[in-house]
């Protein structure tokens, strides 16, 4: 009986350790990218197809980054804008806002 009680005590210690680690992981994971939204579009109606895109990568607090690539036959431009609580200090295009909304609505 004494041995069983010692084993239960050891198990409780292990359980407490695992529970603490799980709580730490939950806190950490809020900053991990968990929501992704992408919108393809054609910024230059007279040429090409939907080769351009806006990609939103957000964490649990709807913060992260939106990356946009504008493709034309002559060049490709890439922009990155920080996002905090679904907003940016930089002006967002319609497509960037759509990508953010898609990411926020991802389950």
N, C-alpha and C. Protein backbone atom coordinates (compact mmCIF):
# COMPACT_ATOMS: atom_id res chain seq x y z
N UNK A 1 0.83 -1.18 0.00
CA UNK A 1 0.00 0.00 0.00
C UNK A 1 0.88 1.26 0.00
N UNK A 2 1.98 1.17 0.76
CA UNK A 2 2.89 2.30 0.85
C UNK A 2 3.50 2.62 -0.52
N UNK A 3 3.85 1.58 -1.25
CA UNK A 3 4.42 1.76 -2.59
C UNK A 3 3.42 2.42 -3.54
N UNK A 4 2.18 2.02 -3.44
CA UNK A 4 1.13 2.60 -4.28
C UNK A 4 0.96 4.08 -3.98
N UNK A 5 0.98 4.45 -2.71
CA UNK A 5 0.87 5.86 -2.34
C UNK A 5 2.05 6.67 -2.87
N UNK A 6 3.24 6.11 -2.85
CA UNK A 6 4.42 6.79 -3.40
C UNK A 6 4.25 6.99 -4.91
N UNK A 7 3.74 5.98 -5.58
CA UNK A 7 3.53 6.07 -7.03
C UNK A 7 2.48 7.15 -7.34
N UNK A 8 1.40 7.21 -6.56
CA UNK A 8 0.39 8.24 -6.76
C UNK A 8 0.98 9.63 -6.56
N UNK A 9 1.82 9.78 -5.57
CA UNK A 9 2.46 11.06 -5.31
C UNK A 9 3.35 11.47 -6.49
N UNK A 10 4.10 10.49 -7.03
CA UNK A 10 4.94 10.75 -8.19
C UNK A 10 4.08 11.14 -9.40
N UNK A 11 2.97 10.43 -9.60
CA UNK A 11 2.07 10.73 -10.71
C UNK A 11 1.48 12.13 -10.57
N UNK A 12 1.12 12.51 -9.36
CA UNK A 12 0.57 13.86 -9.13
C UNK A 12 1.62 14.92 -9.49
N UNK A 13 2.87 14.68 -9.10
CA UNK A 13 3.95 15.61 -9.45
C UNK A 13 4.14 15.72 -10.95
N UNK A 14 4.09 14.58 -11.64
CA UNK A 14 4.20 14.57 -13.10
C UNK A 14 3.01 15.30 -13.73
N UNK A 15 1.82 15.05 -13.22
CA UNK A 15 0.62 15.70 -13.75
C UNK A 15 0.70 17.21 -13.56
N UNK A 16 1.15 17.66 -12.40
CA UNK A 16 1.29 19.09 -12.15
C UNK A 16 2.30 19.73 -13.10
N UNK A 17 3.40 19.00 -13.36
CA UNK A 17 4.42 19.50 -14.27
C UNK A 17 3.86 19.63 -15.69
N UNK A 18 3.16 18.60 -16.16
CA UNK A 18 2.57 18.62 -17.49
C UNK A 18 1.52 19.72 -17.61
N UNK A 19 0.72 19.91 -16.57
CA UNK A 19 -0.30 20.96 -16.57
C UNK A 19 0.34 22.34 -16.67
N UNK A 20 1.43 22.55 -15.95
CA UNK A 20 2.12 23.84 -15.99
C UNK A 20 2.70 24.09 -17.38
N UNK A 21 3.32 23.06 -17.96
CA UNK A 21 3.89 23.19 -19.30
C UNK A 21 2.80 23.49 -20.33
N UNK A 22 1.64 22.85 -20.18
CA UNK A 22 0.53 23.09 -21.10
C UNK A 22 0.06 24.54 -21.00
N UNK A 23 -0.05 25.08 -19.81
CA UNK A 23 -0.45 26.49 -19.64
C UNK A 23 0.56 27.43 -20.28
N UNK A 24 1.84 27.13 -20.13
CA UNK A 24 2.88 27.96 -20.76
C UNK A 24 2.77 27.90 -22.28
N UNK A 25 2.51 26.72 -22.83
CA UNK A 25 2.34 26.58 -24.27
C UNK A 25 1.13 27.35 -24.77
N UNK A 26 0.05 27.33 -24.02
CA UNK A 26 -1.15 28.08 -24.39
C UNK A 26 -0.85 29.57 -24.49
N UNK A 27 -0.11 30.09 -23.51
CA UNK A 27 0.26 31.51 -23.51
C UNK A 27 1.16 31.83 -24.71
N UNK A 28 2.16 30.99 -24.93
CA UNK A 28 3.09 31.19 -26.04
C UNK A 28 2.39 31.12 -27.39
N UNK A 29 1.48 30.20 -27.53
CA UNK A 29 0.87 29.95 -28.83
C UNK A 29 -0.01 31.10 -29.31
N UNK A 30 -0.38 32.01 -28.44
CA UNK A 30 -1.19 33.15 -28.87
C UNK A 30 -0.44 33.99 -29.91
N UNK A 31 0.89 33.96 -29.87
CA UNK A 31 1.67 34.77 -30.82
C UNK A 31 2.07 33.99 -32.08
N UNK A 32 1.72 32.72 -32.16
CA UNK A 32 2.04 31.93 -33.34
C UNK A 32 1.06 32.26 -34.46
N UNK A 33 1.53 32.16 -35.69
CA UNK A 33 0.63 32.36 -36.83
C UNK A 33 -0.37 31.22 -36.84
N UNK A 34 -1.64 31.60 -36.78
CA UNK A 34 -2.68 30.57 -36.79
C UNK A 34 -3.82 30.88 -37.75
N UNK A 35 -3.78 32.08 -38.33
CA UNK A 35 -4.83 32.45 -39.28
C UNK A 35 -4.18 32.95 -40.57
N UNK A 36 -4.62 32.41 -41.68
CA UNK A 36 -4.05 32.76 -42.98
C UNK A 36 -5.17 33.10 -43.94
N UNK A 37 -5.00 34.21 -44.63
CA UNK A 37 -5.97 34.60 -45.66
C UNK A 37 -5.23 35.08 -46.89
N UNK A 38 -5.67 34.65 -48.06
CA UNK A 38 -5.02 35.07 -49.30
C UNK A 38 -6.07 35.49 -50.31
N UNK A 39 -5.75 36.57 -51.03
CA UNK A 39 -6.63 37.08 -52.08
C UNK A 39 -5.76 37.29 -53.32
N UNK A 40 -6.17 36.69 -54.41
CA UNK A 40 -5.49 36.91 -55.69
C UNK A 40 -6.29 37.93 -56.48
N UNK A 41 -5.57 38.77 -57.23
CA UNK A 41 -6.26 39.82 -57.99
C UNK A 41 -5.38 40.32 -59.13
N UNK A 42 -5.99 41.12 -60.00
CA UNK A 42 -5.30 41.72 -61.13
C UNK A 42 -5.35 43.25 -60.96
N UNK A 43 -4.23 43.87 -60.57
CA UNK A 43 -4.24 45.32 -60.35
C UNK A 43 -4.23 46.12 -61.66
N UNK A 44 -3.84 45.48 -62.74
CA UNK A 44 -3.74 46.16 -64.04
C UNK A 44 -4.70 45.48 -65.00
N UNK A 45 -5.88 45.97 -65.09
CA UNK A 45 -6.98 45.32 -65.82
C UNK A 45 -6.64 45.03 -67.28
N UNK A 46 -5.79 45.83 -67.88
CA UNK A 46 -5.52 45.68 -69.31
C UNK A 46 -4.53 44.56 -69.64
N UNK A 47 -3.80 44.05 -68.66
CA UNK A 47 -2.82 42.99 -68.92
C UNK A 47 -2.89 41.88 -67.88
N UNK A 48 -2.61 40.66 -68.32
CA UNK A 48 -2.43 39.54 -67.41
C UNK A 48 -3.68 39.06 -66.70
N UNK A 49 -3.44 38.13 -65.81
CA UNK A 49 -4.52 37.54 -65.01
C UNK A 49 -4.33 37.88 -63.55
N UNK A 50 -4.85 37.04 -62.69
CA UNK A 50 -4.76 37.26 -61.24
C UNK A 50 -3.42 36.77 -60.71
N UNK A 51 -2.35 37.41 -61.13
CA UNK A 51 -1.00 37.01 -60.74
C UNK A 51 -0.56 37.71 -59.44
N UNK A 52 -1.24 38.77 -59.06
CA UNK A 52 -0.91 39.51 -57.84
C UNK A 52 -1.67 38.91 -56.67
N UNK A 53 -1.18 39.16 -55.45
CA UNK A 53 -1.87 38.62 -54.28
C UNK A 53 -1.59 39.46 -53.04
N UNK A 54 -2.47 39.31 -52.07
CA UNK A 54 -2.27 39.82 -50.71
C UNK A 54 -2.43 38.63 -49.77
N UNK A 55 -1.47 38.49 -48.86
CA UNK A 55 -1.44 37.37 -47.94
C UNK A 55 -1.38 37.90 -46.51
N UNK A 56 -2.37 37.55 -45.69
CA UNK A 56 -2.39 37.96 -44.29
C UNK A 56 -2.02 36.77 -43.42
N UNK A 57 -1.07 36.99 -42.50
CA UNK A 57 -0.62 35.98 -41.54
C UNK A 57 -0.84 36.56 -40.15
N UNK A 58 -1.81 36.02 -39.41
CA UNK A 58 -2.22 36.61 -38.14
C UNK A 58 -2.11 35.62 -36.99
N UNK A 59 -1.94 36.17 -35.79
CA UNK A 59 -1.93 35.35 -34.57
C UNK A 59 -3.32 35.35 -33.93
N UNK A 60 -3.42 34.88 -32.72
CA UNK A 60 -4.71 34.77 -32.04
C UNK A 60 -5.34 36.14 -31.77
N UNK A 61 -4.52 37.19 -31.70
CA UNK A 61 -5.02 38.54 -31.43
C UNK A 61 -5.20 39.34 -32.71
N UNK A 62 -5.24 38.66 -33.85
CA UNK A 62 -5.38 39.30 -35.16
C UNK A 62 -4.26 40.30 -35.42
N UNK A 63 -3.06 39.95 -34.98
CA UNK A 63 -1.88 40.76 -35.25
C UNK A 63 -0.90 39.91 -36.06
N UNK A 64 -0.08 40.57 -36.86
CA UNK A 64 0.89 39.85 -37.67
C UNK A 64 1.38 40.72 -38.81
N UNK A 65 1.19 40.23 -40.04
CA UNK A 65 1.69 40.92 -41.22
C UNK A 65 0.79 40.63 -42.40
N UNK A 66 0.73 41.60 -43.32
CA UNK A 66 0.10 41.36 -44.61
C UNK A 66 1.16 41.65 -45.66
N UNK A 67 1.32 40.71 -46.58
CA UNK A 67 2.31 40.82 -47.65
C UNK A 67 1.56 40.87 -48.97
N UNK A 68 1.91 41.86 -49.78
CA UNK A 68 1.25 42.00 -51.08
C UNK A 68 2.30 41.99 -52.19
N UNK A 69 1.98 41.31 -53.26
CA UNK A 69 2.83 41.25 -54.44
C UNK A 69 2.02 41.78 -55.62
N UNK A 70 2.55 42.81 -56.26
CA UNK A 70 1.90 43.38 -57.44
C UNK A 70 2.74 43.01 -58.65
N UNK A 71 2.16 42.19 -59.51
CA UNK A 71 2.87 41.66 -60.66
C UNK A 71 2.44 42.38 -61.92
N UNK A 72 3.43 42.76 -62.72
CA UNK A 72 3.18 43.24 -64.08
C UNK A 72 4.24 42.63 -64.98
N UNK A 73 4.10 42.80 -66.26
CA UNK A 73 5.07 42.20 -67.18
C UNK A 73 6.46 42.78 -67.00
N UNK A 74 6.54 44.03 -66.61
CA UNK A 74 7.83 44.72 -66.48
C UNK A 74 8.50 44.50 -65.13
N UNK A 75 7.69 44.29 -64.07
CA UNK A 75 8.27 44.21 -62.73
C UNK A 75 7.31 43.52 -61.76
N UNK A 76 7.85 43.22 -60.61
CA UNK A 76 7.06 42.66 -59.53
C UNK A 76 7.43 43.45 -58.27
N UNK A 77 6.45 44.02 -57.62
CA UNK A 77 6.69 44.77 -56.38
C UNK A 77 6.09 44.01 -55.21
N UNK A 78 6.84 43.99 -54.11
CA UNK A 78 6.38 43.29 -52.91
C UNK A 78 6.38 44.26 -51.75
N UNK A 79 5.27 44.27 -51.01
CA UNK A 79 5.11 45.16 -49.86
C UNK A 79 4.74 44.34 -48.63
N UNK A 80 5.25 44.75 -47.49
CA UNK A 80 4.89 44.13 -46.22
C UNK A 80 4.43 45.21 -45.26
N UNK A 81 3.33 44.94 -44.57
CA UNK A 81 2.80 45.92 -43.61
C UNK A 81 2.47 45.20 -42.30
N UNK A 82 2.92 45.77 -41.19
CA UNK A 82 2.58 45.16 -39.89
C UNK A 82 1.10 45.36 -39.57
N UNK A 83 0.53 44.37 -38.90
CA UNK A 83 -0.88 44.41 -38.51
C UNK A 83 -0.96 44.22 -37.00
N UNK A 84 -1.73 45.07 -36.35
CA UNK A 84 -1.96 44.94 -34.92
C UNK A 84 -3.46 45.09 -34.67
N UNK A 85 -4.06 44.06 -34.13
CA UNK A 85 -5.51 44.03 -33.89
C UNK A 85 -6.29 44.39 -35.15
N UNK A 86 -5.93 43.76 -36.24
CA UNK A 86 -6.60 43.90 -37.55
C UNK A 86 -6.34 45.23 -38.24
N UNK A 87 -5.52 46.08 -37.68
CA UNK A 87 -5.28 47.41 -38.25
C UNK A 87 -3.79 47.57 -38.56
N UNK A 88 -3.49 48.55 -39.42
CA UNK A 88 -2.10 48.86 -39.73
C UNK A 88 -1.90 50.36 -39.66
N UNK A 89 -0.69 50.76 -39.32
CA UNK A 89 -0.37 52.19 -39.31
C UNK A 89 -0.21 52.69 -40.74
N UNK A 90 -0.14 51.77 -41.70
CA UNK A 90 -0.04 52.10 -43.11
C UNK A 90 -1.40 51.90 -43.77
N UNK A 91 -1.64 52.66 -44.82
CA UNK A 91 -2.91 52.51 -45.52
C UNK A 91 -2.97 51.14 -46.18
N UNK A 92 -4.10 50.46 -46.01
CA UNK A 92 -4.30 49.12 -46.57
C UNK A 92 -5.16 49.20 -47.82
N UNK A 93 -4.80 48.39 -48.80
CA UNK A 93 -5.61 48.32 -50.01
C UNK A 93 -6.87 47.49 -49.74
N UNK A 94 -7.78 47.53 -50.68
CA UNK A 94 -9.01 46.73 -50.56
C UNK A 94 -8.67 45.24 -50.47
N UNK A 95 -7.71 44.80 -51.28
CA UNK A 95 -7.32 43.39 -51.29
C UNK A 95 -6.63 42.99 -49.98
N UNK A 96 -5.82 43.88 -49.42
CA UNK A 96 -5.18 43.60 -48.14
C UNK A 96 -6.22 43.47 -47.03
N UNK A 97 -7.20 44.36 -47.03
CA UNK A 97 -8.30 44.26 -46.06
C UNK A 97 -9.07 42.95 -46.23
N UNK A 98 -9.29 42.56 -47.48
CA UNK A 98 -10.00 41.30 -47.74
C UNK A 98 -9.20 40.10 -47.21
N UNK A 99 -7.89 40.12 -47.42
CA UNK A 99 -7.04 39.03 -46.94
C UNK A 99 -7.09 38.95 -45.42
N UNK A 100 -7.06 40.12 -44.75
CA UNK A 100 -7.13 40.16 -43.29
C UNK A 100 -8.47 39.60 -42.82
N UNK A 101 -9.55 39.99 -43.46
CA UNK A 101 -10.88 39.49 -43.09
C UNK A 101 -10.98 37.98 -43.29
N UNK A 102 -10.43 37.49 -44.39
CA UNK A 102 -10.43 36.04 -44.64
C UNK A 102 -9.69 35.31 -43.53
N UNK A 103 -8.53 35.86 -43.14
CA UNK A 103 -7.74 35.23 -42.09
C UNK A 103 -8.50 35.25 -40.76
N UNK A 104 -9.11 36.38 -40.43
CA UNK A 104 -9.85 36.49 -39.17
C UNK A 104 -11.01 35.51 -39.11
N UNK A 105 -11.62 35.23 -40.24
CA UNK A 105 -12.79 34.34 -40.27
C UNK A 105 -12.43 32.89 -40.43
N UNK A 106 -11.13 32.59 -40.51
CA UNK A 106 -10.69 31.20 -40.62
C UNK A 106 -10.91 30.50 -39.30
N UNK A 107 -11.42 29.31 -39.34
CA UNK A 107 -11.68 28.54 -38.13
C UNK A 107 -10.49 27.70 -37.75
